[in-house]
Amino acid sequence: MKYKSNFNVVYSCRYHVVWCPKYRRPVLVEGVDVRLKSLIVETCSKMNVDILEMEIMPDHVHLLIEVDPQFGIHRAVKQIKGVSSRVLRQEFSWLKSRIPTLWSNSYFVSTVGGAPLAVIKKYIENQKTV
């Protein structure tokens, strides 16, 4: 496993993130998907967030990203959704007539990687016995 570090934290914080357009409308089509990918890459690059995998479906987005824990996953997702919404609604004016805002307020996030939970629990339980 490869770890990253900033000045005082060594980490491996990988997240699977999924979010949808408002009302799960299938509006990520007709070039919106391509532009969204480039916006996500650009935004993540500015935040030093690594994209491990990305897929844009017509009605949702999947991201596998690695985020510095001091920056935070919520802050990263908020920035990605905010920038992409603003730019896409400017560049694709038809989005404004289809939905009141581009993204729903919510998103799904799950940590990814490392050992299974049972293995980590066992490791911590056995610390004093080793």
Protein backbone atom coordinates (compact mmCIF):
# COMPACT_ATOMS: atom_id res chain seq x y z
CA MET A 1 0.00 0.00 0.00
CA LYS A 2 1.28 3.45 -0.90
CA TYR A 3 0.92 6.23 1.66
CA LYS A 4 0.95 9.98 1.15
CA SER A 5 2.04 12.64 3.57
CA ASN A 6 1.75 16.32 4.20
CA PHE A 7 3.90 18.08 6.78
CA ASN A 8 2.51 16.25 9.82
CA VAL A 9 0.19 13.46 8.68
CA VAL A 10 0.90 10.22 6.83
CA TYR A 11 -2.31 8.99 5.26
CA SER A 12 -4.22 6.86 2.81
CA CYS A 13 -7.75 8.27 2.68
CA ARG A 14 -9.61 6.95 -0.35
CA TYR A 15 -13.30 7.53 -0.88
CA HIS A 16 -16.00 6.32 -3.24
CA VAL A 17 -18.31 9.29 -3.80
CA VAL A 18 -21.60 9.29 -5.70
CA TRP A 19 -23.97 12.20 -6.32
CA CYS A 20 -26.90 12.94 -8.60
CA PRO A 21 -28.45 15.84 -10.45
CA LYS A 22 -31.53 17.33 -8.79
CA TYR A 23 -34.48 14.92 -9.02
CA ARG A 24 -32.02 12.41 -10.54
CA ARG A 25 -32.73 13.84 -13.96
CA PRO A 26 -30.61 12.31 -16.77
CA VAL A 27 -29.02 15.62 -17.81
CA LEU A 28 -25.35 14.57 -17.86
CA VAL A 29 -25.48 13.99 -21.62
CA GLU A 30 -24.85 15.82 -24.92
CA GLY A 31 -21.41 17.10 -23.98
CA VAL A 32 -22.26 17.95 -20.38
CA ASP A 33 -20.61 14.68 -19.31
CA VAL A 34 -17.38 15.43 -21.17
CA ARG A 35 -17.19 18.97 -19.81
CA LEU A 36 -18.02 17.74 -16.29
CA LYS A 37 -15.09 15.30 -16.43
CA SER A 38 -12.69 18.07 -17.38
CA LEU A 39 -14.06 20.35 -14.64
CA ILE A 40 -13.67 17.61 -12.02
CA VAL A 41 -10.08 16.94 -13.12
CA GLU A 42 -9.29 20.67 -13.05
CA THR A 43 -10.92 21.25 -9.63
CA CYS A 44 -9.29 18.20 -8.06
CA SER A 45 -5.90 19.25 -9.39
CA LYS A 46 -6.23 22.66 -7.70
CA MET A 47 -7.13 20.98 -4.38
CA ASN A 48 -4.39 18.31 -4.62
CA VAL A 49 -7.07 15.61 -4.67
CA ASP A 50 -6.09 12.50 -6.64
CA ILE A 51 -8.70 10.96 -8.92
CA LEU A 52 -8.24 7.19 -8.95
CA GLU A 53 -11.32 6.50 -11.09
CA MET A 54 -14.25 8.49 -12.47
CA GLU A 55 -17.40 7.69 -14.41
CA ILE A 56 -20.20 10.01 -15.45
CA MET A 57 -23.58 8.38 -15.99
CA PRO A 58 -26.58 10.30 -17.38
CA ASP A 59 -28.15 10.59 -13.89
CA HIS A 60 -25.21 10.27 -11.45
CA VAL A 61 -21.47 10.64 -10.94
CA HIS A 62 -19.02 8.10 -9.48
CA LEU A 63 -15.64 9.24 -8.16
CA LEU A 64 -12.88 7.29 -6.46
CA ILE A 65 -10.61 9.91 -4.93
CA GLU A 66 -7.83 10.26 -2.40
CA VAL A 67 -8.12 13.30 -0.14
CA ASP A 68 -5.78 14.77 2.47
CA PRO A 69 -7.59 14.24 5.81
CA GLN A 70 -6.77 17.80 6.87
CA PHE A 71 -8.57 19.08 3.77
CA GLY A 72 -11.54 16.77 4.23
CA ILE A 73 -13.88 14.84 1.99
CA HIS A 74 -16.87 17.13 2.59
CA ARG A 75 -14.91 20.18 1.58
CA ALA A 76 -13.63 18.42 -1.56
CA VAL A 77 -17.09 17.26 -2.67
CA LYS A 78 -18.62 20.67 -1.91
CA GLN A 79 -15.96 22.37 -4.05
CA ILE A 80 -16.33 19.92 -6.96
CA LYS A 81 -20.12 20.21 -6.98
CA GLY A 82 -20.07 23.99 -6.57
CA VAL A 83 -17.59 24.74 -9.35
CA SER A 84 -19.11 22.25 -11.77
CA SER A 85 -22.66 23.49 -11.18
CA ARG A 86 -21.74 27.12 -11.75
CA VAL A 87 -19.74 26.48 -14.93
CA LEU A 88 -22.07 23.89 -16.48
CA ARG A 89 -25.16 26.04 -15.95
CA GLN A 90 -23.36 28.96 -17.62
CA GLU A 91 -22.12 26.92 -20.57
CA PHE A 92 -25.23 24.76 -21.08
CA SER A 93 -28.12 27.18 -20.57
CA TRP A 94 -30.71 24.44 -21.27
CA LEU A 95 -29.83 22.98 -17.84
CA LYS A 96 -31.44 26.01 -16.17
CA SER A 97 -34.81 25.23 -17.74
CA ARG A 98 -34.69 21.52 -16.88
CA ILE A 99 -33.89 21.73 -13.14
CA PRO A 100 -33.75 24.52 -10.53
CA THR A 101 -30.20 23.59 -9.40
CA LEU A 102 -27.82 21.16 -11.03
CA TRP A 103 -26.99 18.93 -8.06
CA SER A 104 -29.04 17.49 -5.24
CA ASN A 105 -27.86 18.58 -1.78
CA SER A 106 -26.85 15.08 -0.73
CA TYR A 107 -24.16 12.62 -1.75
CA PHE A 108 -22.97 9.13 -0.86
CA VAL A 109 -19.45 8.58 0.49
CA SER A 110 -17.71 5.42 1.64
CA THR A 111 -14.12 4.84 2.65
CA VAL A 112 -12.18 2.41 0.50
CA GLY A 113 -9.05 0.35 0.94
CA GLY A 114 -6.89 -0.95 3.70
CA ALA A 115 -7.60 -4.09 5.66
CA PRO A 116 -11.13 -5.37 6.34
CA LEU A 117 -12.80 -3.95 9.45
CA ALA A 118 -12.58 -7.25 11.34
CA VAL A 119 -8.80 -7.39 10.81
CA ILE A 120 -8.30 -3.83 12.10
CA LYS A 121 -10.54 -4.47 15.12
CA LYS A 122 -8.57 -7.61 15.95
CA TYR A 123 -5.27 -5.74 15.58
CA ILE A 124 -6.41 -3.03 18.04
CA GLU A 125 -7.83 -5.60 20.48
CA ASN A 126 -4.52 -7.48 20.53
CA GLN A 127 -2.25 -4.46 21.08
CA LYS A 128 -1.75 -5.03 24.82
CA THR A 129 -1.24 -8.77 24.44
CA VAL A 130 1.61 -8.48 21.93
